[in-house]
Amino acid sequence: MKNIRKELLVWVQLVSFIIIWFIVLLLSSTDLKINWDAIKKLPDVVTIYVVLSLVFTKWGWKWRIFRGWLVPFPNLQGTWKGALESTWVDPNTGQRIPPKEIVLVIKQTFSTLSCVTFTDESDTYSTTAQINQDDESGVFRMSYNYTNRPRSIVRDRSEIHDGAAILKIVLEPKKKLEGEYWTSRKTTGDISVKFVSKKLAQSFA
């Protein structure tokens, strides 16, 4: 996941350091010129710079002011709800099962991304996850690999399995994710969810 535009990062770091140094000199009533007194303030400047860097990686990357030009990827953290439609055909009826309601929970930091999906029959946990942007269209997509653990009472027809999904990220006018998935059971299907809350759900209920 490309979490920052590296071509701009060096300039942002340099300008930020100089601005902090200027403010420290100003507040300490030190002459605004390169001399020994100004150099002695460098430890203070470095300390402030490190603290601000930590603030940025913890919270700042989510702020709209950095979105797009410095932080290229969107903030997806929260709870999403929607439906999963499988191509699996029930051998007993010869028909597809109806769409299943799902809850997708995305946990995201500046450098990590993980997904958990809940249904009334199983939980799915991502093993890898990332956000990519198409170079031509600019469309964002979230892709992840996962392990699905059905409830023990349904494992006679739905065993533990692995899978992967690729979901297109739509931000306007409302946040939604839509795309497809496939599994080691040789089934495929579509997923469509909409953003409902910044709170992280812990179960299907």
N, C-alpha and C. Protein backbone atom coordinates (compact mmCIF):
# COMPACT_ATOMS: atom_id res chain seq x y z
N MET A 1 0.84 -1.19 0.00
CA MET A 1 0.00 0.00 0.00
C MET A 1 0.88 1.24 0.00
N LYS A 2 0.76 2.06 -1.01
CA LYS A 2 1.54 3.29 -1.10
C LYS A 2 0.89 4.32 -0.19
N ASN A 3 1.46 4.50 1.02
CA ASN A 3 0.80 5.32 2.02
C ASN A 3 1.19 6.79 2.00
N ILE A 4 2.14 7.15 1.15
CA ILE A 4 2.52 8.57 1.06
C ILE A 4 3.23 8.81 -0.27
N ARG A 5 3.12 10.01 -0.78
CA ARG A 5 3.78 10.36 -2.04
C ARG A 5 5.24 10.71 -1.75
N LYS A 6 6.12 9.78 -2.05
CA LYS A 6 7.53 9.93 -1.68
C LYS A 6 8.19 11.09 -2.42
N GLU A 7 7.67 11.41 -3.62
CA GLU A 7 8.28 12.50 -4.38
C GLU A 7 8.09 13.86 -3.68
N LEU A 8 7.07 13.96 -2.83
CA LEU A 8 6.82 15.19 -2.09
C LEU A 8 7.32 15.13 -0.65
N LEU A 9 7.54 13.91 -0.16
CA LEU A 9 7.88 13.73 1.24
C LEU A 9 9.14 14.47 1.64
N VAL A 10 10.20 14.38 0.81
CA VAL A 10 11.47 15.02 1.15
C VAL A 10 11.30 16.52 1.31
N TRP A 11 10.54 17.14 0.40
CA TRP A 11 10.33 18.58 0.47
C TRP A 11 9.49 18.95 1.69
N VAL A 12 8.47 18.16 1.97
CA VAL A 12 7.62 18.43 3.14
C VAL A 12 8.44 18.31 4.42
N GLN A 13 9.30 17.30 4.51
CA GLN A 13 10.14 17.13 5.70
C GLN A 13 11.11 18.29 5.86
N LEU A 14 11.72 18.71 4.75
CA LEU A 14 12.70 19.80 4.82
C LEU A 14 12.04 21.11 5.22
N VAL A 15 10.92 21.43 4.57
CA VAL A 15 10.22 22.68 4.88
C VAL A 15 9.70 22.66 6.31
N SER A 16 9.17 21.53 6.74
CA SER A 16 8.65 21.42 8.11
C SER A 16 9.76 21.64 9.13
N PHE A 17 10.93 21.04 8.88
CA PHE A 17 12.05 21.19 9.81
C PHE A 17 12.48 22.65 9.90
N ILE A 18 12.57 23.32 8.76
CA ILE A 18 12.98 24.73 8.75
C ILE A 18 11.96 25.61 9.48
N ILE A 19 10.68 25.35 9.26
CA ILE A 19 9.63 26.14 9.92
C ILE A 19 9.69 25.94 11.43
N ILE A 20 9.87 24.69 11.88
CA ILE A 20 9.97 24.42 13.32
C ILE A 20 11.18 25.13 13.90
N TRP A 21 12.30 25.07 13.21
CA TRP A 21 13.52 25.74 13.67
C TRP A 21 13.28 27.24 13.79
N PHE A 22 12.62 27.81 12.80
CA PHE A 22 12.32 29.24 12.82
C PHE A 22 11.44 29.60 14.02
N ILE A 23 10.42 28.81 14.28
CA ILE A 23 9.51 29.08 15.40
C ILE A 23 10.24 28.95 16.74
N VAL A 24 11.10 27.93 16.87
CA VAL A 24 11.86 27.75 18.11
C VAL A 24 12.77 28.95 18.36
N LEU A 25 13.45 29.42 17.32
CA LEU A 25 14.32 30.59 17.48
C LEU A 25 13.51 31.82 17.84
N LEU A 26 12.35 31.95 17.23
CA LEU A 26 11.50 33.11 17.49
C LEU A 26 11.00 33.12 18.92
N LEU A 27 10.54 31.97 19.40
CA LEU A 27 10.00 31.88 20.75
C LEU A 27 11.08 32.00 21.83
N SER A 28 12.29 31.65 21.48
CA SER A 28 13.39 31.73 22.45
C SER A 28 14.17 33.04 22.34
N SER A 29 13.66 33.94 21.50
CA SER A 29 14.29 35.26 21.31
C SER A 29 15.74 35.14 20.83
N THR A 30 15.97 34.12 20.00
CA THR A 30 17.30 33.93 19.43
C THR A 30 17.35 34.60 18.05
N ASP A 31 18.50 35.19 17.73
CA ASP A 31 18.64 35.85 16.43
C ASP A 31 18.33 34.87 15.29
N LEU A 32 17.58 35.36 14.31
CA LEU A 32 17.19 34.53 13.17
C LEU A 32 18.31 34.47 12.14
N LYS A 33 19.40 33.86 12.54
CA LYS A 33 20.53 33.66 11.63
C LYS A 33 21.31 32.44 12.09
N ILE A 34 22.05 31.85 11.15
CA ILE A 34 22.80 30.64 11.45
C ILE A 34 24.05 31.01 12.26
N ASN A 35 24.02 30.73 13.55
CA ASN A 35 25.18 30.93 14.42
C ASN A 35 25.15 29.84 15.49
N TRP A 36 26.08 29.93 16.43
CA TRP A 36 26.18 28.89 17.45
C TRP A 36 24.93 28.83 18.32
N ASP A 37 24.34 29.97 18.63
CA ASP A 37 23.12 29.97 19.45
C ASP A 37 21.97 29.26 18.73
N ALA A 38 21.88 29.48 17.42
CA ALA A 38 20.82 28.82 16.64
C ALA A 38 21.06 27.31 16.56
N ILE A 39 22.32 26.92 16.40
CA ILE A 39 22.66 25.49 16.31
C ILE A 39 22.35 24.77 17.62
N LYS A 40 22.53 25.47 18.75
CA LYS A 40 22.27 24.85 20.05
C LYS A 40 20.79 24.54 20.24
N LYS A 41 19.93 25.13 19.41
CA LYS A 41 18.49 24.87 19.50
C LYS A 41 18.07 23.64 18.69
N LEU A 42 19.01 23.06 17.94
CA LEU A 42 18.66 21.93 17.09
C LEU A 42 18.09 20.73 17.85
N PRO A 43 18.61 20.36 19.04
CA PRO A 43 17.99 19.24 19.77
C PRO A 43 16.50 19.47 20.05
N ASP A 44 16.14 20.71 20.39
CA ASP A 44 14.73 21.03 20.61
C ASP A 44 13.93 20.89 19.32
N VAL A 45 14.53 21.34 18.23
CA VAL A 45 13.85 21.25 16.92
C VAL A 45 13.61 19.79 16.55
N VAL A 46 14.63 18.95 16.74
CA VAL A 46 14.51 17.53 16.40
C VAL A 46 13.43 16.86 17.24
N THR A 47 13.40 17.20 18.53
CA THR A 47 12.39 16.62 19.42
C THR A 47 10.98 16.97 18.96
N ILE A 48 10.76 18.23 18.65
CA ILE A 48 9.44 18.67 18.19
C ILE A 48 9.09 18.01 16.86
N TYR A 49 10.08 17.91 15.97
CA TYR A 49 9.86 17.29 14.66
C TYR A 49 9.44 15.83 14.81
N VAL A 50 10.11 15.10 15.69
CA VAL A 50 9.78 13.69 15.92
C VAL A 50 8.38 13.54 16.49
N VAL A 51 8.04 14.40 17.45
CA VAL A 51 6.70 14.34 18.05
C VAL A 51 5.62 14.60 17.00
N LEU A 52 5.83 15.61 16.16
CA LEU A 52 4.86 15.93 15.11
C LEU A 52 4.77 14.80 14.08
N SER A 53 5.90 14.13 13.81
CA SER A 53 5.88 13.00 12.89
C SER A 53 5.04 11.85 13.45
N LEU A 54 5.17 11.63 14.76
CA LEU A 54 4.38 10.59 15.42
C LEU A 54 2.89 10.94 15.40
N VAL A 55 2.59 12.21 15.61
CA VAL A 55 1.19 12.67 15.56
C VAL A 55 0.62 12.45 14.16
N PHE A 56 1.44 12.73 13.15
CA PHE A 56 0.98 12.55 11.77
C PHE A 56 0.67 11.10 11.46
N THR A 57 1.58 10.18 11.83
CA THR A 57 1.37 8.77 11.52
C THR A 57 0.26 8.15 12.37
N LYS A 58 -0.05 8.77 13.52
CA LYS A 58 -1.12 8.26 14.37
C LYS A 58 -2.48 8.80 13.96
N TRP A 59 -2.57 10.10 13.74
CA TRP A 59 -3.86 10.75 13.45
C TRP A 59 -3.83 11.63 12.19
N GLY A 60 -2.74 12.35 11.98
CA GLY A 60 -2.72 13.39 10.95
C GLY A 60 -3.00 12.90 9.54
N TRP A 61 -2.58 11.68 9.21
CA TRP A 61 -2.78 11.17 7.84
C TRP A 61 -4.26 11.10 7.47
N LYS A 62 -5.14 11.09 8.46
CA LYS A 62 -6.58 11.03 8.20
C LYS A 62 -7.17 12.39 7.86
N TRP A 63 -6.45 13.47 8.15
CA TRP A 63 -7.00 14.81 7.96
C TRP A 63 -7.12 15.15 6.48
N ARG A 64 -8.21 15.81 6.14
CA ARG A 64 -8.49 16.15 4.74
C ARG A 64 -7.40 17.03 4.12
N ILE A 65 -6.74 17.82 4.93
CA ILE A 65 -5.74 18.75 4.41
C ILE A 65 -4.60 18.02 3.71
N PHE A 66 -4.34 16.76 4.10
CA PHE A 66 -3.26 15.99 3.49
C PHE A 66 -3.75 15.05 2.39
N ARG A 67 -5.06 14.91 2.26
CA ARG A 67 -5.62 13.92 1.35
C ARG A 67 -5.35 14.26 -0.11
N GLY A 68 -4.86 13.30 -0.84
CA GLY A 68 -4.65 13.47 -2.27
C GLY A 68 -3.24 13.89 -2.63
N TRP A 69 -2.82 15.06 -2.19
CA TRP A 69 -1.52 15.57 -2.63
C TRP A 69 -0.36 14.93 -1.86
N LEU A 70 -0.57 14.53 -0.59
CA LEU A 70 0.50 13.91 0.19
C LEU A 70 0.15 12.47 0.55
N VAL A 71 -1.06 12.27 1.07
CA VAL A 71 -1.54 10.92 1.40
C VAL A 71 -2.48 10.48 0.29
N PRO A 72 -2.05 9.54 -0.56
CA PRO A 72 -2.83 9.21 -1.75
C PRO A 72 -4.03 8.32 -1.50
N PHE A 73 -4.02 7.51 -0.43
CA PHE A 73 -5.08 6.54 -0.26
C PHE A 73 -6.19 7.09 0.66
N PRO A 74 -7.43 6.61 0.49
CA PRO A 74 -8.55 7.07 1.33
C PRO A 74 -8.58 6.36 2.68
N ASN A 75 -9.23 6.98 3.64
CA ASN A 75 -9.41 6.38 4.96
C ASN A 75 -10.69 5.54 4.93
N LEU A 76 -10.55 4.23 5.05
CA LEU A 76 -11.69 3.31 4.96
C LEU A 76 -12.10 2.75 6.32
N GLN A 77 -11.41 3.14 7.38
CA GLN A 77 -11.69 2.52 8.68
C GLN A 77 -13.13 2.73 9.10
N GLY A 78 -13.73 1.64 9.59
CA GLY A 78 -15.11 1.72 10.07
C GLY A 78 -15.88 0.46 9.74
N THR A 79 -17.18 0.54 9.93
CA THR A 79 -18.07 -0.59 9.68
C THR A 79 -18.89 -0.35 8.42
N TRP A 80 -18.94 -1.36 7.58
CA TRP A 80 -19.65 -1.31 6.31
C TRP A 80 -20.69 -2.44 6.30
N LYS A 81 -21.84 -2.19 5.73
CA LYS A 81 -22.88 -3.21 5.66
C LYS A 81 -23.41 -3.33 4.24
N GLY A 82 -23.77 -4.57 3.88
CA GLY A 82 -24.29 -4.79 2.54
C GLY A 82 -24.64 -6.24 2.32
N ALA A 83 -24.36 -6.71 1.11
CA ALA A 83 -24.76 -8.07 0.74
C ALA A 83 -23.67 -8.78 -0.04
N LEU A 84 -23.67 -10.09 0.10
CA LEU A 84 -22.78 -10.98 -0.64
C LEU A 84 -23.65 -11.91 -1.47
N GLU A 85 -23.38 -11.97 -2.77
CA GLU A 85 -24.15 -12.84 -3.65
C GLU A 85 -23.22 -13.88 -4.26
N SER A 86 -23.47 -15.15 -3.96
CA SER A 86 -22.59 -16.23 -4.40
C SER A 86 -23.11 -16.92 -5.65
N THR A 87 -22.17 -17.45 -6.44
CA THR A 87 -22.55 -18.23 -7.61
C THR A 87 -22.76 -19.71 -7.25
N TRP A 88 -22.54 -20.04 -5.98
CA TRP A 88 -22.66 -21.45 -5.55
C TRP A 88 -24.09 -21.94 -5.73
N VAL A 89 -24.22 -23.15 -6.26
CA VAL A 89 -25.53 -23.75 -6.49
C VAL A 89 -25.74 -24.88 -5.49
N ASP A 90 -26.81 -24.80 -4.76
CA ASP A 90 -27.16 -25.83 -3.78
C ASP A 90 -27.48 -27.13 -4.53
N PRO A 91 -26.70 -28.21 -4.28
CA PRO A 91 -26.94 -29.47 -5.01
C PRO A 91 -28.29 -30.10 -4.68
N ASN A 92 -28.86 -29.74 -3.53
CA ASN A 92 -30.14 -30.32 -3.14
C ASN A 92 -31.31 -29.68 -3.88
N THR A 93 -31.16 -28.40 -4.25
CA THR A 93 -32.26 -27.68 -4.90
C THR A 93 -31.94 -27.33 -6.35
N GLY A 94 -30.63 -27.32 -6.68
CA GLY A 94 -30.23 -26.93 -8.02
C GLY A 94 -30.34 -25.44 -8.25
N GLN A 95 -30.45 -24.66 -7.17
CA GLN A 95 -30.59 -23.21 -7.27
C GLN A 95 -29.52 -22.50 -6.44
N ARG A 96 -29.27 -21.28 -6.83
CA ARG A 96 -28.33 -20.46 -6.06
C ARG A 96 -28.98 -20.05 -4.73
N ILE A 97 -28.13 -19.87 -3.73
CA ILE A 97 -28.63 -19.38 -2.46
C ILE A 97 -28.93 -17.89 -2.59
N PRO A 98 -29.89 -17.36 -1.84
CA PRO A 98 -30.21 -15.93 -1.93
C PRO A 98 -29.05 -15.09 -1.40
N PRO A 99 -28.98 -13.79 -1.76
CA PRO A 99 -27.92 -12.91 -1.24
C PRO A 99 -27.89 -12.94 0.28
N LYS A 100 -26.69 -12.89 0.81
CA LYS A 100 -26.50 -12.97 2.27
C LYS A 100 -26.03 -11.62 2.81
N GLU A 101 -26.66 -11.18 3.88
CA GLU A 101 -26.27 -9.92 4.51
C GLU A 101 -24.91 -10.08 5.18
N ILE A 102 -24.04 -9.09 5.00
CA ILE A 102 -22.70 -9.14 5.59
C ILE A 102 -22.37 -7.82 6.29
N VAL A 103 -21.45 -7.91 7.23
CA VAL A 103 -20.88 -6.75 7.91
C VAL A 103 -19.37 -6.80 7.69
N LEU A 104 -18.83 -5.79 7.06
CA LEU A 104 -17.39 -5.71 6.80
C LEU A 104 -16.78 -4.65 7.72
N VAL A 105 -15.79 -5.04 8.49
CA VAL A 105 -15.12 -4.13 9.41
C VAL A 105 -13.68 -3.94 8.95
N ILE A 106 -13.31 -2.69 8.70
CA ILE A 106 -11.96 -2.38 8.22
C ILE A 106 -11.20 -1.62 9.31
N LYS A 107 -10.04 -2.15 9.66
CA LYS A 107 -9.14 -1.47 10.60
C LYS A 107 -7.96 -0.94 9.80
N GLN A 108 -7.70 0.34 9.94
CA GLN A 108 -6.66 0.96 9.11
C GLN A 108 -5.82 1.94 9.92
N THR A 109 -4.51 1.83 9.75
CA THR A 109 -3.57 2.81 10.29
C THR A 109 -2.80 3.40 9.12
N PHE A 110 -1.81 4.22 9.43
CA PHE A 110 -1.01 4.83 8.36
C PHE A 110 -0.29 3.77 7.52
N SER A 111 0.07 2.66 8.14
CA SER A 111 0.89 1.66 7.43
C SER A 111 0.27 0.26 7.37
N THR A 112 -0.91 0.05 7.97
CA THR A 112 -1.50 -1.29 7.97
C THR A 112 -2.98 -1.23 7.60
N LEU A 113 -3.47 -2.39 7.14
CA LEU A 113 -4.88 -2.51 6.75
C LEU A 113 -5.31 -3.95 7.01
N SER A 114 -6.48 -4.14 7.62
CA SER A 114 -7.01 -5.48 7.84
C SER A 114 -8.53 -5.45 7.73
N CYS A 115 -9.10 -6.60 7.38
CA CYS A 115 -10.55 -6.70 7.16
C CYS A 115 -11.11 -7.90 7.91
N VAL A 116 -12.28 -7.71 8.49
CA VAL A 116 -13.03 -8.81 9.11
C VAL A 116 -14.45 -8.74 8.56
N THR A 117 -14.97 -9.89 8.13
CA THR A 117 -16.33 -9.95 7.61
C THR A 117 -17.16 -10.90 8.46
N PHE A 118 -18.35 -10.43 8.85
CA PHE A 118 -19.26 -11.24 9.64
C PHE A 118 -20.54 -11.53 8.85
N THR A 119 -21.01 -12.76 8.92
CA THR A 119 -22.35 -13.11 8.45
C THR A 119 -23.03 -13.89 9.57
N ASP A 120 -24.26 -14.32 9.33
CA ASP A 120 -24.96 -15.09 10.36
C ASP A 120 -24.41 -16.50 10.51
N GLU A 121 -23.50 -16.92 9.56
CA GLU A 121 -22.99 -18.28 9.61
C GLU A 121 -21.48 -18.38 9.77
N SER A 122 -20.75 -17.29 9.50
CA SER A 122 -19.28 -17.41 9.53
C SER A 122 -18.61 -16.07 9.77
N ASP A 123 -17.32 -16.14 10.10
CA ASP A 123 -16.46 -14.96 10.23
C ASP A 123 -15.29 -15.13 9.27
N THR A 124 -14.87 -14.03 8.68
CA THR A 124 -13.75 -14.04 7.74
C THR A 124 -12.69 -13.06 8.20
N TYR A 125 -11.43 -13.50 8.23
CA TYR A 125 -10.33 -12.67 8.69
C TYR A 125 -9.27 -12.55 7.60
N SER A 126 -8.88 -11.33 7.30
CA SER A 126 -7.88 -11.13 6.24
C SER A 126 -6.50 -11.56 6.72
N THR A 127 -5.72 -12.10 5.80
CA THR A 127 -4.32 -12.44 6.07
C THR A 127 -3.39 -11.39 5.47
N THR A 128 -3.81 -10.78 4.38
CA THR A 128 -3.12 -9.64 3.79
C THR A 128 -4.17 -8.70 3.22
N ALA A 129 -3.86 -7.42 3.18
CA ALA A 129 -4.80 -6.44 2.62
C ALA A 129 -4.03 -5.21 2.18
N GLN A 130 -4.48 -4.58 1.09
CA GLN A 130 -3.82 -3.38 0.60
C GLN A 130 -4.77 -2.56 -0.27
N ILE A 131 -4.41 -1.30 -0.45
CA ILE A 131 -5.15 -0.40 -1.33
C ILE A 131 -4.23 -0.02 -2.48
N ASN A 132 -4.74 -0.14 -3.69
CA ASN A 132 -3.98 0.23 -4.88
C ASN A 132 -4.77 1.22 -5.72
N GLN A 133 -4.07 2.02 -6.49
CA GLN A 133 -4.71 2.98 -7.38
C GLN A 133 -4.29 2.71 -8.82
N ASP A 134 -5.28 2.62 -9.70
CA ASP A 134 -5.00 2.39 -11.11
C ASP A 134 -4.32 3.62 -11.72
N ASP A 135 -3.20 3.41 -12.38
CA ASP A 135 -2.43 4.53 -12.91
C ASP A 135 -3.19 5.30 -13.99
N GLU A 136 -4.00 4.62 -14.76
CA GLU A 136 -4.69 5.26 -15.87
C GLU A 136 -5.99 5.96 -15.43
N SER A 137 -6.85 5.22 -14.74
CA SER A 137 -8.17 5.75 -14.38
C SER A 137 -8.18 6.49 -13.05
N GLY A 138 -7.18 6.20 -12.19
CA GLY A 138 -7.16 6.81 -10.86
C GLY A 138 -8.10 6.13 -9.88
N VAL A 139 -8.72 5.02 -10.29
CA VAL A 139 -9.67 4.30 -9.42
C VAL A 139 -8.92 3.56 -8.32
N PHE A 140 -9.43 3.67 -7.09
CA PHE A 140 -8.85 2.95 -5.97
C PHE A 140 -9.54 1.59 -5.83
N ARG A 141 -8.75 0.58 -5.47
CA ARG A 141 -9.30 -0.74 -5.19
C ARG A 141 -8.65 -1.31 -3.94
N MET A 142 -9.46 -1.97 -3.13
CA MET A 142 -8.94 -2.67 -1.96
C MET A 142 -8.94 -4.16 -2.27
N SER A 143 -7.82 -4.81 -2.08
CA SER A 143 -7.73 -6.25 -2.30
C SER A 143 -7.23 -6.91 -1.02
N TYR A 144 -7.74 -8.11 -0.76
CA TYR A 144 -7.31 -8.82 0.43
C TYR A 144 -7.50 -10.32 0.27
N ASN A 145 -6.63 -11.07 0.93
CA ASN A 145 -6.75 -12.52 1.05
C ASN A 145 -7.32 -12.83 2.43
N TYR A 146 -8.05 -13.90 2.54
CA TYR A 146 -8.72 -14.16 3.82
C TYR A 146 -8.89 -15.65 4.09
N THR A 147 -9.19 -15.94 5.36
CA THR A 147 -9.58 -17.27 5.79
C THR A 147 -10.99 -17.18 6.38
N ASN A 148 -11.86 -18.05 5.92
CA ASN A 148 -13.25 -18.05 6.38
C ASN A 148 -13.48 -19.21 7.35
N ARG A 149 -14.07 -18.90 8.51
CA ARG A 149 -14.35 -19.92 9.52
C ARG A 149 -15.86 -19.97 9.78
N PRO A 150 -16.54 -20.91 9.16
CA PRO A 150 -17.98 -21.06 9.40
C PRO A 150 -18.26 -21.56 10.83
N ARG A 151 -19.48 -21.34 11.29
CA ARG A 151 -19.88 -21.88 12.58
C ARG A 151 -19.82 -23.41 12.50
N SER A 152 -19.55 -24.04 13.63
CA SER A 152 -19.40 -25.49 13.64
C SER A 152 -20.67 -26.21 13.20
N ILE A 153 -21.83 -25.61 13.43
CA ILE A 153 -23.09 -26.27 13.11
C ILE A 153 -23.38 -26.30 11.62
N VAL A 154 -22.62 -25.54 10.81
CA VAL A 154 -22.87 -25.54 9.37
C VAL A 154 -21.69 -26.10 8.58
N ARG A 155 -20.69 -26.66 9.27
CA ARG A 155 -19.49 -27.13 8.56
C ARG A 155 -19.73 -28.41 7.77
N ASP A 156 -20.88 -29.03 7.95
CA ASP A 156 -21.18 -30.19 7.13
C ASP A 156 -21.43 -29.79 5.67
N ARG A 157 -21.78 -28.50 5.46
CA ARG A 157 -22.02 -28.01 4.10
C ARG A 157 -21.16 -26.80 3.76
N SER A 158 -20.41 -26.30 4.74
CA SER A 158 -19.57 -25.12 4.51
C SER A 158 -18.30 -25.25 5.34
N GLU A 159 -17.25 -25.82 4.74
CA GLU A 159 -16.01 -26.05 5.48
C GLU A 159 -15.16 -24.78 5.54
N ILE A 160 -14.16 -24.80 6.42
CA ILE A 160 -13.20 -23.70 6.50
C ILE A 160 -12.46 -23.60 5.17
N HIS A 161 -12.29 -22.39 4.68
CA HIS A 161 -11.65 -22.23 3.37
C HIS A 161 -10.95 -20.87 3.28
N ASP A 162 -10.13 -20.74 2.24
CA ASP A 162 -9.43 -19.48 1.97
C ASP A 162 -10.02 -18.82 0.73
N GLY A 163 -9.75 -17.53 0.60
CA GLY A 163 -10.26 -16.82 -0.55
C GLY A 163 -9.59 -15.47 -0.73
N ALA A 164 -10.07 -14.73 -1.70
CA ALA A 164 -9.54 -13.40 -1.98
C ALA A 164 -10.65 -12.53 -2.55
N ALA A 165 -10.49 -11.23 -2.41
CA ALA A 165 -11.50 -10.30 -2.92
C ALA A 165 -10.82 -9.04 -3.44
N ILE A 166 -11.42 -8.44 -4.45
CA ILE A 166 -11.00 -7.14 -4.97
C ILE A 166 -12.22 -6.25 -5.04
N LEU A 167 -12.20 -5.15 -4.31
CA LEU A 167 -13.35 -4.26 -4.23
C LEU A 167 -12.99 -2.86 -4.71
N LYS A 168 -13.78 -2.34 -5.61
CA LYS A 168 -13.62 -0.96 -6.07
C LYS A 168 -14.08 -0.01 -4.97
N ILE A 169 -13.30 1.05 -4.74
CA ILE A 169 -13.63 2.03 -3.71
C ILE A 169 -14.32 3.22 -4.34
N VAL A 170 -15.56 3.46 -3.94
CA VAL A 170 -16.33 4.61 -4.41
C VAL A 170 -16.49 5.57 -3.23
N LEU A 171 -16.04 6.81 -3.39
CA LEU A 171 -16.07 7.78 -2.28
C LEU A 171 -17.19 8.80 -2.40
N GLU A 172 -17.66 9.07 -3.59
CA GLU A 172 -18.69 10.07 -3.81
C GLU A 172 -19.84 9.49 -4.64
N PRO A 173 -21.11 9.88 -4.37
CA PRO A 173 -21.51 10.81 -3.31
C PRO A 173 -21.52 10.18 -1.92
N LYS A 174 -21.55 8.84 -1.85
CA LYS A 174 -21.47 8.15 -0.57
C LYS A 174 -20.47 7.02 -0.68
N LYS A 175 -19.81 6.72 0.44
CA LYS A 175 -18.80 5.68 0.45
C LYS A 175 -19.43 4.30 0.23
N LYS A 176 -18.86 3.54 -0.69
CA LYS A 176 -19.27 2.15 -0.87
C LYS A 176 -18.13 1.36 -1.49
N LEU A 177 -18.17 0.07 -1.29
CA LEU A 177 -17.20 -0.85 -1.85
C LEU A 177 -17.96 -1.90 -2.64
N GLU A 178 -17.50 -2.20 -3.84
CA GLU A 178 -18.18 -3.21 -4.64
C GLU A 178 -17.17 -3.93 -5.52
N GLY A 179 -17.37 -5.24 -5.65
CA GLY A 179 -16.45 -6.03 -6.44
C GLY A 179 -16.76 -7.50 -6.34
N GLU A 180 -15.73 -8.31 -6.51
CA GLU A 180 -15.94 -9.76 -6.54
C GLU A 180 -14.98 -10.49 -5.63
N TYR A 181 -15.32 -11.74 -5.35
CA TYR A 181 -14.47 -12.60 -4.54
C TYR A 181 -14.44 -13.99 -5.16
N TRP A 182 -13.44 -14.77 -4.77
CA TRP A 182 -13.37 -16.17 -5.19
C TRP A 182 -12.71 -16.95 -4.07
N THR A 183 -12.99 -18.25 -4.02
CA THR A 183 -12.55 -19.06 -2.89
C THR A 183 -11.85 -20.33 -3.35
N SER A 184 -11.20 -20.99 -2.38
CA SER A 184 -10.54 -22.26 -2.65
C SER A 184 -11.56 -23.38 -2.86
N ARG A 185 -12.83 -23.09 -2.60
CA ARG A 185 -13.89 -24.08 -2.86
C ARG A 185 -14.39 -23.97 -4.30
N LYS A 186 -13.69 -23.15 -5.09
CA LYS A 186 -14.03 -22.95 -6.50
C LYS A 186 -15.39 -22.28 -6.67
N THR A 187 -15.70 -21.37 -5.75
CA THR A 187 -16.91 -20.55 -5.88
C THR A 187 -16.49 -19.10 -6.05
N THR A 188 -17.37 -18.33 -6.64
CA THR A 188 -17.14 -16.90 -6.83
C THR A 188 -18.41 -16.14 -6.44
N GLY A 189 -18.32 -14.83 -6.46
CA GLY A 189 -19.50 -14.04 -6.14
C GLY A 189 -19.19 -12.56 -6.12
N ASP A 190 -20.19 -11.79 -5.78
CA ASP A 190 -20.08 -10.34 -5.73
C ASP A 190 -20.31 -9.83 -4.32
N ILE A 191 -19.63 -8.75 -3.98
CA ILE A 191 -19.78 -8.09 -2.69
C ILE A 191 -20.11 -6.62 -2.93
N SER A 192 -21.08 -6.11 -2.20
CA SER A 192 -21.42 -4.69 -2.26
C SER A 192 -21.79 -4.22 -0.85
N VAL A 193 -21.03 -3.26 -0.33
CA VAL A 193 -21.28 -2.75 1.02
C VAL A 193 -21.21 -1.22 1.03
N LYS A 194 -21.93 -0.63 1.97
CA LYS A 194 -21.92 0.82 2.15
C LYS A 194 -21.42 1.16 3.55
N PHE A 195 -20.74 2.30 3.64
CA PHE A 195 -20.20 2.75 4.92
C PHE A 195 -21.34 3.17 5.85
N VAL A 196 -21.30 2.68 7.10
CA VAL A 196 -22.37 3.02 8.04
C VAL A 196 -21.88 3.68 9.32
N SER A 197 -20.64 3.42 9.74
CA SER A 197 -20.19 3.98 11.01
C SER A 197 -18.69 3.93 11.15
N LYS A 198 -18.13 4.91 11.88
CA LYS A 198 -16.72 4.90 12.20
C LYS A 198 -16.39 3.90 13.30
N LYS A 199 -17.42 3.50 14.06
CA LYS A 199 -17.22 2.51 15.11
C LYS A 199 -16.97 1.13 14.49
N LEU A 200 -16.18 0.33 15.15
CA LEU A 200 -15.81 -0.98 14.63
C LEU A 200 -16.70 -2.05 15.26
N ALA A 201 -17.55 -2.65 14.45
CA ALA A 201 -18.42 -3.72 14.94
C ALA A 201 -17.57 -4.94 15.30
N GLN A 202 -18.05 -5.72 16.27
CA GLN A 202 -17.29 -6.90 16.72
C GLN A 202 -18.03 -8.20 16.42
N SER A 203 -19.20 -8.11 15.84
CA SER A 203 -19.95 -9.31 15.49
C SER A 203 -21.01 -8.97 14.46
N PHE A 204 -21.65 -9.97 13.90
CA PHE A 204 -22.71 -9.77 12.94
C PHE A 204 -23.90 -9.05 13.59
N ALA A 205 -24.19 -9.40 14.83
CA ALA A 205 -25.32 -8.80 15.53
C ALA A 205 -25.09 -7.33 15.80
